[in-house]
């Protein structure tokens, strides 16, 4: 459980910094704090779509969490399969 949580947090932080690296200006880190990066992304979503900023923060975090959730699910399935093979 703790390992899954750590994998989720590590992947989530890497995704945040990856998005910051991809956004304009390309290849530069304007923000060093992950909360500022999420806020910047959320306000960009709010500006483009017209959604209120509080809702766009939730949308931004949900979008950034998708790769981390997928990675944790795949990791847990692989671990579960190894346990089954080990018991046989």
PDB file of N, CA and C in Angstrom:
ATOM      1  N   UNK A   1       0.820  -1.189   0.000  1.00  0.00           N
ATOM      2  CA  UNK A   1       0.000   0.000   0.000  1.00  0.00           C
ATOM      3  C   UNK A   1       0.867   1.257   0.000  1.00  0.00           C
ATOM      4  N   UNK A   2       1.879   1.270   0.854  1.00  0.00           N
ATOM      5  CA  UNK A   2       2.769   2.416   0.924  1.00  0.00           C
ATOM      6  C   UNK A   2       3.566   2.560  -0.370  1.00  0.00           C
ATOM      7  N   UNK A   3       3.982   1.425  -0.920  1.00  0.00           N
ATOM      8  CA  UNK A   3       4.728   1.461  -2.170  1.00  0.00           C
ATOM      9  C   UNK A   3       3.862   2.005  -3.307  1.00  0.00           C
ATOM     10  N   UNK A   4       2.610   1.612  -3.367  1.00  0.00           N
ATOM     11  CA  UNK A   4       1.694   2.129  -4.383  1.00  0.00           C
ATOM     12  C   UNK A   4       1.495   3.633  -4.223  1.00  0.00           C
ATOM     13  N   UNK A   5       1.375   4.079  -2.987  1.00  0.00           N
ATOM     14  CA  UNK A   5       1.216   5.506  -2.721  1.00  0.00           C
ATOM     15  C   UNK A   5       2.457   6.288  -3.160  1.00  0.00           C
ATOM     16  N   UNK A   6       3.629   5.760  -2.847  1.00  0.00           N
ATOM     17  CA  UNK A   6       4.865   6.432  -3.250  1.00  0.00           C
ATOM     18  C   UNK A   6       5.026   6.475  -4.766  1.00  0.00           C
ATOM     19  N   UNK A   7       4.653   5.397  -5.436  1.00  0.00           N
ATOM     20  CA  UNK A   7       4.705   5.376  -6.904  1.00  0.00           C
ATOM     21  C   UNK A   7       3.742   6.411  -7.471  1.00  0.00           C
ATOM     22  N   UNK A   8       2.542   6.504  -6.889  1.00  0.00           N
ATOM     23  CA  UNK A   8       1.569   7.490  -7.351  1.00  0.00           C
ATOM     24  C   UNK A   8       2.118   8.911  -7.188  1.00  0.00           C
ATOM     25  N   UNK A   9       2.641   9.233  -6.014  1.00  0.00           N
ATOM     26  CA  UNK A   9       3.149  10.579  -5.753  1.00  0.00           C
ATOM     27  C   UNK A   9       4.316  10.904  -6.676  1.00  0.00           C
ATOM     28  N   UNK A  10       5.254   9.972  -6.825  1.00  0.00           N
ATOM     29  CA  UNK A  10       6.415  10.189  -7.681  1.00  0.00           C
ATOM     30  C   UNK A  10       5.993  10.418  -9.135  1.00  0.00           C
ATOM     31  N   UNK A  11       5.087   9.593  -9.641  1.00  0.00           N
ATOM     32  CA  UNK A  11       4.617   9.737 -11.018  1.00  0.00           C
ATOM     33  C   UNK A  11       3.819  11.023 -11.199  1.00  0.00           C
ATOM     34  N   UNK A  12       3.016  11.386 -10.210  1.00  0.00           N
ATOM     35  CA  UNK A  12       2.227  12.613 -10.279  1.00  0.00           C
ATOM     36  C   UNK A  12       3.137  13.838 -10.346  1.00  0.00           C
ATOM     37  N   UNK A  13       4.162  13.878  -9.505  1.00  0.00           N
ATOM     38  CA  UNK A  13       5.112  14.999  -9.516  1.00  0.00           C
ATOM     39  C   UNK A  13       5.871  15.046 -10.841  1.00  0.00           C
ATOM     40  N   UNK A  14       6.288  13.892 -11.341  1.00  0.00           N
ATOM     41  CA  UNK A  14       6.973  13.869 -12.643  1.00  0.00           C
ATOM     42  C   UNK A  14       6.063  14.346 -13.770  1.00  0.00           C
ATOM     43  N   UNK A  15       4.797  13.992 -13.716  1.00  0.00           N
ATOM     44  CA  UNK A  15       3.842  14.443 -14.726  1.00  0.00           C
ATOM     45  C   UNK A  15       3.671  15.959 -14.661  1.00  0.00           C
ATOM     46  N   UNK A  16       3.600  16.500 -13.460  1.00  0.00           N
ATOM     47  CA  UNK A  16       3.456  17.951 -13.302  1.00  0.00           C
ATOM     48  C   UNK A  16       4.649  18.672 -13.909  1.00  0.00           C
ATOM     49  N   UNK A  17       5.854  18.232 -13.574  1.00  0.00           N
ATOM     50  CA  UNK A  17       7.042  18.882 -14.123  1.00  0.00           C
ATOM     51  C   UNK A  17       7.188  18.617 -15.622  1.00  0.00           C
ATOM     52  N   UNK A  18       6.717  17.473 -16.090  1.00  0.00           N
ATOM     53  CA  UNK A  18       6.738  17.203 -17.530  1.00  0.00           C
ATOM     54  C   UNK A  18       5.829  18.145 -18.294  1.00  0.00           C
ATOM     55  N   UNK A  19       4.650  18.409 -17.747  1.00  0.00           N
ATOM     56  CA  UNK A  19       3.728  19.352 -18.383  1.00  0.00           C
ATOM     57  C   UNK A  19       4.336  20.750 -18.382  1.00  0.00           C
ATOM     58  N   UNK A  20       4.962  21.132 -17.286  1.00  0.00           N
ATOM     59  CA  UNK A  20       5.607  22.447 -17.210  1.00  0.00           C
ATOM     60  C   UNK A  20       6.728  22.555 -18.235  1.00  0.00           C
ATOM     61  N   UNK A  21       7.451  21.479 -18.452  1.00  0.00           N
ATOM     62  CA  UNK A  21       8.547  21.486 -19.412  1.00  0.00           C
ATOM     63  C   UNK A  21       8.035  21.594 -20.848  1.00  0.00           C
ATOM     64  N   UNK A  22       6.854  21.031 -21.105  1.00  0.00           N
ATOM     65  CA  UNK A  22       6.299  21.032 -22.461  1.00  0.00           C
ATOM     66  C   UNK A  22       5.625  22.360 -22.811  1.00  0.00           C
ATOM     67  N   UNK A  23       5.009  23.010 -21.833  1.00  0.00           N
ATOM     68  CA  UNK A  23       4.273  24.245 -22.102  1.00  0.00           C
ATOM     69  C   UNK A  23       5.201  25.390 -22.505  1.00  0.00           C
ATOM     70  N   UNK A  24       4.619  26.435 -23.104  1.00  0.00           N
ATOM     71  CA  UNK A  24       5.391  27.611 -23.525  1.00  0.00           C
ATOM     72  C   UNK A  24       6.011  28.316 -22.348  1.00  0.00           C
ATOM     73  N   UNK A  25       7.135  28.910 -22.436  1.00  0.00           N
ATOM     74  CA  UNK A  25       8.164  28.707 -23.461  1.00  0.00           C
ATOM     75  C   UNK A  25       8.785  27.319 -23.308  1.00  0.00           C
ATOM     76  N   UNK A  26       8.974  26.656 -24.414  1.00  0.00           N
ATOM     77  CA  UNK A  26       9.368  25.248 -24.414  1.00  0.00           C
ATOM     78  C   UNK A  26      10.728  25.032 -23.749  1.00  0.00           C
ATOM     79  N   UNK A  27      10.797  24.022 -22.907  1.00  0.00           N
ATOM     80  CA  UNK A  27      12.064  23.619 -22.313  1.00  0.00           C
ATOM     81  C   UNK A  27      12.547  24.486 -21.168  1.00  0.00           C
ATOM     82  N   UNK A  28      11.676  25.301 -20.601  1.00  0.00           N
ATOM     83  CA  UNK A  28      12.079  26.146 -19.478  1.00  0.00           C
ATOM     84  C   UNK A  28      11.125  25.921 -18.321  1.00  0.00           C
ATOM     85  N   UNK A  29      11.673  25.954 -17.137  1.00  0.00           N
ATOM     86  CA  UNK A  29      10.858  25.825 -15.937  1.00  0.00           C
ATOM     87  C   UNK A  29      10.625  27.221 -15.373  1.00  0.00           C
ATOM     88  N   UNK A  30       9.425  27.760 -15.585  1.00  0.00           N
ATOM     89  CA  UNK A  30       9.106  29.070 -15.038  1.00  0.00           C
ATOM     90  C   UNK A  30       8.760  28.982 -13.567  1.00  0.00           C
ATOM     91  N   UNK A  31       8.113  27.903 -13.171  1.00  0.00           N
ATOM     92  CA  UNK A  31       7.702  27.708 -11.790  1.00  0.00           C
ATOM     93  C   UNK A  31       8.473  26.527 -11.210  1.00  0.00           C
ATOM     94  N   UNK A  32       8.912  26.658  -9.988  1.00  0.00           N
ATOM     95  CA  UNK A  32       9.613  25.557  -9.318  1.00  0.00           C
ATOM     96  C   UNK A  32       8.689  24.798  -8.367  1.00  0.00           C
ATOM     97  N   UNK A  33       7.609  25.433  -7.952  1.00  0.00           N
ATOM     98  CA  UNK A  33       6.676  24.840  -7.002  1.00  0.00           C
ATOM     99  C   UNK A  33       5.563  24.111  -7.768  1.00  0.00           C
ATOM    100  N   UNK A  34       5.297  22.839  -7.469  1.00  0.00           N
ATOM    101  CA  UNK A  34       4.247  22.098  -8.183  1.00  0.00           C
ATOM    102  C   UNK A  34       2.859  22.720  -8.030  1.00  0.00           C
ATOM    103  N   UNK A  35       2.587  23.375  -6.897  1.00  0.00           N
ATOM    104  CA  UNK A  35       1.281  24.006  -6.705  1.00  0.00           C
ATOM    105  C   UNK A  35       1.107  25.175  -7.677  1.00  0.00           C
ATOM    106  N   UNK A  36       2.179  25.915  -7.922  1.00  0.00           N
ATOM    107  CA  UNK A  36       2.117  27.009  -8.893  1.00  0.00           C
ATOM    108  C   UNK A  36       1.901  26.483 -10.310  1.00  0.00           C
ATOM    109  N   UNK A  37       2.506  25.355 -10.605  1.00  0.00           N
ATOM    110  CA  UNK A  37       2.332  24.753 -11.932  1.00  0.00           C
ATOM    111  C   UNK A  37       0.884  24.328 -12.128  1.00  0.00           C
ATOM    112  N   UNK A  38       0.298  23.691 -11.118  1.00  0.00           N
ATOM    113  CA  UNK A  38      -1.108  23.276 -11.208  1.00  0.00           C
ATOM    114  C   UNK A  38      -2.005  24.504 -11.318  1.00  0.00           C
ATOM    115  N   UNK A  39      -1.713  25.552 -10.560  1.00  0.00           N
ATOM    116  CA  UNK A  39      -2.496  26.791 -10.639  1.00  0.00           C
ATOM    117  C   UNK A  39      -2.406  27.423 -12.014  1.00  0.00           C
ATOM    118  N   UNK A  40      -1.220  27.457 -12.587  1.00  0.00           N
ATOM    119  CA  UNK A  40      -1.042  28.010 -13.930  1.00  0.00           C
ATOM    120  C   UNK A  40      -1.835  27.217 -14.961  1.00  0.00           C
ATOM    121  N   UNK A  41      -1.749  25.902 -14.865  1.00  0.00           N
ATOM    122  CA  UNK A  41      -2.503  25.044 -15.780  1.00  0.00           C
ATOM    123  C   UNK A  41      -4.000  25.233 -15.592  1.00  0.00           C
ATOM    124  N   UNK A  42      -4.436  25.337 -14.342  1.00  0.00           N
ATOM    125  CA  UNK A  42      -5.865  25.501 -14.050  1.00  0.00           C
ATOM    126  C   UNK A  42      -6.392  26.830 -14.580  1.00  0.00           C
ATOM    127  N   UNK A  43      -5.635  27.893 -14.412  1.00  0.00           N
ATOM    128  CA  UNK A  43      -6.092  29.182 -14.919  1.00  0.00           C
ATOM    129  C   UNK A  43      -6.066  29.215 -16.447  1.00  0.00           C
ATOM    130  N   UNK A  44      -5.157  28.465 -17.060  1.00  0.00           N
ATOM    131  CA  UNK A  44      -5.175  28.354 -18.524  1.00  0.00           C
ATOM    132  C   UNK A  44      -6.432  27.625 -18.985  1.00  0.00           C
ATOM    133  N   UNK A  45      -6.790  26.549 -18.282  1.00  0.00           N
ATOM    134  CA  UNK A  45      -8.019  25.818 -18.607  1.00  0.00           C
ATOM    135  C   UNK A  45      -9.235  26.711 -18.403  1.00  0.00           C
ATOM    136  N   UNK A  46      -9.236  27.463 -17.302  1.00  0.00           N
ATOM    137  CA  UNK A  46     -10.373  28.347 -17.005  1.00  0.00           C
ATOM    138  C   UNK A  46     -10.512  29.434 -18.057  1.00  0.00           C
ATOM    139  N   UNK A  47      -9.399  29.975 -18.518  1.00  0.00           N
ATOM    140  CA  UNK A  47      -9.443  31.042 -19.514  1.00  0.00           C
ATOM    141  C   UNK A  47      -9.953  30.527 -20.856  1.00  0.00           C
ATOM    142  N   UNK A  48      -9.493  29.369 -21.253  1.00  0.00           N
ATOM    143  CA  UNK A  48      -9.865  28.831 -22.569  1.00  0.00           C
ATOM    144  C   UNK A  48     -11.306  28.330 -22.583  1.00  0.00           C
ATOM    145  N   UNK A  49     -11.725  27.625 -21.525  1.00  0.00           N
ATOM    146  CA  UNK A  49     -13.042  26.993 -21.544  1.00  0.00           C
ATOM    147  C   UNK A  49     -14.145  27.838 -20.915  1.00  0.00           C
ATOM    148  N   UNK A  50     -13.783  28.808 -20.099  1.00  0.00           N
ATOM    149  CA  UNK A  50     -14.784  29.628 -19.425  1.00  0.00           C
ATOM    150  C   UNK A  50     -15.335  28.995 -18.158  1.00  0.00           C
ATOM    151  N   UNK A  51     -14.700  27.932 -17.700  1.00  0.00           N
ATOM    152  CA  UNK A  51     -15.100  27.244 -16.476  1.00  0.00           C
ATOM    153  C   UNK A  51     -14.556  28.037 -15.283  1.00  0.00           C
ATOM    154  N   UNK A  52     -15.270  28.088 -14.163  1.00  0.00           N
ATOM    155  CA  UNK A  52     -14.743  28.779 -12.980  1.00  0.00           C
ATOM    156  C   UNK A  52     -13.396  28.191 -12.538  1.00  0.00           C
ATOM    157  N   UNK A  53     -12.500  29.020 -11.995  1.00  0.00           N
ATOM    158  CA  UNK A  53     -11.147  28.548 -11.636  1.00  0.00           C
ATOM    159  C   UNK A  53     -11.129  27.399 -10.626  1.00  0.00           C
ATOM    160  N   UNK A  54     -12.040  27.374  -9.667  1.00  0.00           N
ATOM    161  CA  UNK A  54     -12.034  26.281  -8.681  1.00  0.00           C
ATOM    162  C   UNK A  54     -12.347  24.941  -9.338  1.00  0.00           C
ATOM    163  N   UNK A  55     -13.246  24.949 -10.283  1.00  0.00           N
ATOM    164  CA  UNK A  55     -13.576  23.710 -10.997  1.00  0.00           C
ATOM    165  C   UNK A  55     -12.431  23.317 -11.925  1.00  0.00           C
ATOM    166  N   UNK A  56     -11.783  24.310 -12.527  1.00  0.00           N
ATOM    167  CA  UNK A  56     -10.678  24.002 -13.434  1.00  0.00           C
ATOM    168  C   UNK A  56      -9.466  23.461 -12.679  1.00  0.00           C
ATOM    169  N   UNK A  57      -9.288  23.832 -11.413  1.00  0.00           N
ATOM    170  CA  UNK A  57      -8.215  23.235 -10.606  1.00  0.00           C
ATOM    171  C   UNK A  57      -8.486  21.746 -10.431  1.00  0.00           C
ATOM    172  N   UNK A  58      -9.726  21.382 -10.123  1.00  0.00           N
ATOM    173  CA  UNK A  58     -10.095  19.971  -9.994  1.00  0.00           C
ATOM    174  C   UNK A  58      -9.884  19.236 -11.311  1.00  0.00           C
ATOM    175  N   UNK A  59     -10.295  19.842 -12.412  1.00  0.00           N
ATOM    176  CA  UNK A  59     -10.128  19.214 -13.725  1.00  0.00           C
ATOM    177  C   UNK A  59      -8.652  19.012 -14.038  1.00  0.00           C
ATOM    178  N   UNK A  60      -7.830  20.028 -13.752  1.00  0.00           N
ATOM    179  CA  UNK A  60      -6.395  19.932 -14.005  1.00  0.00           C
ATOM    180  C   UNK A  60      -5.727  18.832 -13.193  1.00  0.00           C
ATOM    181  N   UNK A  61      -6.068  18.749 -11.919  1.00  0.00           N
ATOM    182  CA  UNK A  61      -5.493  17.704 -11.066  1.00  0.00           C
ATOM    183  C   UNK A  61      -5.960  16.324 -11.528  1.00  0.00           C
ATOM    184  N   UNK A  62      -7.226  16.211 -11.907  1.00  0.00           N
ATOM    185  CA  UNK A  62      -7.740  14.929 -12.383  1.00  0.00           C
ATOM    186  C   UNK A  62      -7.035  14.491 -13.664  1.00  0.00           C
ATOM    187  N   UNK A  63      -6.802  15.414 -14.559  1.00  0.00           N
ATOM    188  CA  UNK A  63      -6.112  15.082 -15.811  1.00  0.00           C
ATOM    189  C   UNK A  63      -4.664  14.684 -15.541  1.00  0.00           C
ATOM    190  N   UNK A  64      -4.002  15.401 -14.629  1.00  0.00           N
ATOM    191  CA  UNK A  64      -2.614  15.078 -14.315  1.00  0.00           C
ATOM    192  C   UNK A  64      -2.474  13.770 -13.534  1.00  0.00           C
ATOM    193  N   UNK A  65      -3.531  13.350 -12.850  1.00  0.00           N
ATOM    194  CA  UNK A  65      -3.462  12.130 -12.050  1.00  0.00           C
ATOM    195  C   UNK A  65      -3.711  10.866 -12.870  1.00  0.00           C
ATOM    196  N   UNK A  66      -4.239  10.987 -14.064  1.00  0.00           N
ATOM    197  CA  UNK A  66      -4.567   9.809 -14.877  1.00  0.00           C
ATOM    198  C   UNK A  66      -3.351   8.928 -15.146  1.00  0.00           C
ATOM    199  N   UNK A  67      -2.204   9.473 -15.608  1.00  0.00           N
ATOM    200  CA  UNK A  67      -1.050   8.570 -15.835  1.00  0.00           C
ATOM    201  C   UNK A  67      -0.557   7.898 -14.555  1.00  0.00           C
ATOM    202  N   UNK A  68      -0.608   8.619 -13.432  1.00  0.00           N
ATOM    203  CA  UNK A  68      -0.161   8.039 -12.168  1.00  0.00           C
ATOM    204  C   UNK A  68      -1.077   6.906 -11.731  1.00  0.00           C
ATOM    205  N   UNK A  69      -2.365   7.071 -11.898  1.00  0.00           N
ATOM    206  CA  UNK A  69      -3.318   6.022 -11.523  1.00  0.00           C
ATOM    207  C   UNK A  69      -3.133   4.787 -12.408  1.00  0.00           C
ATOM    208  N   UNK A  70      -2.945   5.000 -13.688  1.00  0.00           N
ATOM    209  CA  UNK A  70      -2.732   3.879 -14.607  1.00  0.00           C
ATOM    210  C   UNK A  70      -1.465   3.116 -14.234  1.00  0.00           C
ATOM    211  N   UNK A  71      -0.400   3.834 -13.908  1.00  0.00           N
ATOM    212  CA  UNK A  71       0.850   3.183 -13.537  1.00  0.00           C
ATOM    213  C   UNK A  71       0.704   2.370 -12.246  1.00  0.00           C
ATOM    214  N   UNK A  72      -0.004   2.904 -11.266  1.00  0.00           N
ATOM    215  CA  UNK A  72      -0.210   2.179 -10.009  1.00  0.00           C
ATOM    216  C   UNK A  72      -1.058   0.929 -10.242  1.00  0.00           C
ATOM    217  N   UNK A  73      -2.085   1.028 -11.068  1.00  0.00           N
ATOM    218  CA  UNK A  73      -2.916  -0.145 -11.376  1.00  0.00           C
ATOM    219  C   UNK A  73      -2.092  -1.228 -12.063  1.00  0.00           C
ATOM    220  N   UNK A  74      -1.283  -0.843 -13.052  1.00  0.00           N
ATOM    221  CA  UNK A  74      -0.440  -1.826 -13.734  1.00  0.00           C
ATOM    222  C   UNK A  74       0.579  -2.448 -12.787  1.00  0.00           C
ATOM    223  N   UNK A  75       1.155  -1.650 -11.904  1.00  0.00           N
ATOM    224  CA  UNK A  75       2.127  -2.156 -10.934  1.00  0.00           C
ATOM    225  C   UNK A  75       1.478  -3.163  -9.987  1.00  0.00           C
ATOM    226  N   UNK A  76       0.289  -2.839  -9.496  1.00  0.00           N
ATOM    227  CA  UNK A  76      -0.393  -3.752  -8.575  1.00  0.00           C
ATOM    228  C   UNK A  76      -0.816  -5.045  -9.249  1.00  0.00           C
ATOM    229  N   UNK A  77      -1.237  -4.976 -10.500  1.00  0.00           N
ATOM    230  CA  UNK A  77      -1.601  -6.204 -11.230  1.00  0.00           C
ATOM    231  C   UNK A  77      -0.384  -7.096 -11.418  1.00  0.00           C
ATOM    232  N   UNK A  78       0.741  -6.483 -11.769  1.00  0.00           N
ATOM    233  CA  UNK A  78       1.956  -7.261 -11.984  1.00  0.00           C
ATOM    234  C   UNK A  78       2.412  -7.907 -10.679  1.00  0.00           C
ATOM    235  N   UNK A  79       2.334  -7.154  -9.590  1.00  0.00           N
ATOM    236  CA  UNK A  79       2.715  -7.696  -8.289  1.00  0.00           C
ATOM    237  C   UNK A  79       1.791  -8.839  -7.868  1.00  0.00           C
ATOM    238  N   UNK A  80       0.500  -8.682  -8.163  1.00  0.00           N
ATOM    239  CA  UNK A  80      -0.477  -9.716  -7.815  1.00  0.00           C
ATOM    240  C   UNK A  80      -0.200 -10.993  -8.608  1.00  0.00           C
ATOM    241  N   UNK A  81       0.127 -10.859  -9.875  1.00  0.00           N
ATOM    242  CA  UNK A  81       0.444 -12.024 -10.702  1.00  0.00           C
ATOM    243  C   UNK A  81       1.706 -12.724 -10.216  1.00  0.00           C
ATOM    244  N   UNK A  82       2.697 -11.950  -9.787  1.00  0.00           N
ATOM    245  CA  UNK A  82       3.928 -12.569  -9.281  1.00  0.00           C
ATOM    246  C   UNK A  82       3.655 -13.334  -7.987  1.00  0.00           C
ATOM    247  N   UNK A  83       2.774 -12.809  -7.146  1.00  0.00           N
ATOM    248  CA  UNK A  83       2.432 -13.501  -5.912  1.00  0.00           C
ATOM    249  C   UNK A  83       1.731 -14.829  -6.210  1.00  0.00           C
ATOM    250  N   UNK A  84       0.824 -14.819  -7.202  1.00  0.00           N
ATOM    251  CA  UNK A  84       0.105 -16.040  -7.560  1.00  0.00           C
ATOM    252  C   UNK A  84       1.082 -17.088  -8.095  1.00  0.00           C
ATOM    253  N   UNK A  85       2.025 -16.678  -8.936  1.00  0.00           N
ATOM    254  CA  UNK A  85       2.995 -17.621  -9.490  1.00  0.00           C
ATOM    255  C   UNK A  85       3.920 -18.149  -8.407  1.00  0.00           C
ATOM    256  N   UNK A  86       4.228 -17.308  -7.441  1.00  0.00           N
ATOM    257  CA  UNK A  86       5.129 -17.712  -6.358  1.00  0.00           C
ATOM    258  C   UNK A  86       4.472 -18.760  -5.457  1.00  0.00           C
ATOM    259  N   UNK A  87       3.164 -18.634  -5.252  1.00  0.00           N
ATOM    260  CA  UNK A  87       2.435 -19.583  -4.396  1.00  0.00           C
ATOM    261  C   UNK A  87       2.229 -20.934  -5.046  1.00  0.00           C
ATOM    262  N   UNK A  88       2.260 -21.009  -6.357  1.00  0.00           N
ATOM    263  CA  UNK A  88       2.032 -22.270  -7.070  1.00  0.00           C
ATOM    264  C   UNK A  88       3.192 -23.160  -7.020  1.00  0.00           C
TER     265      UNK A  88
END
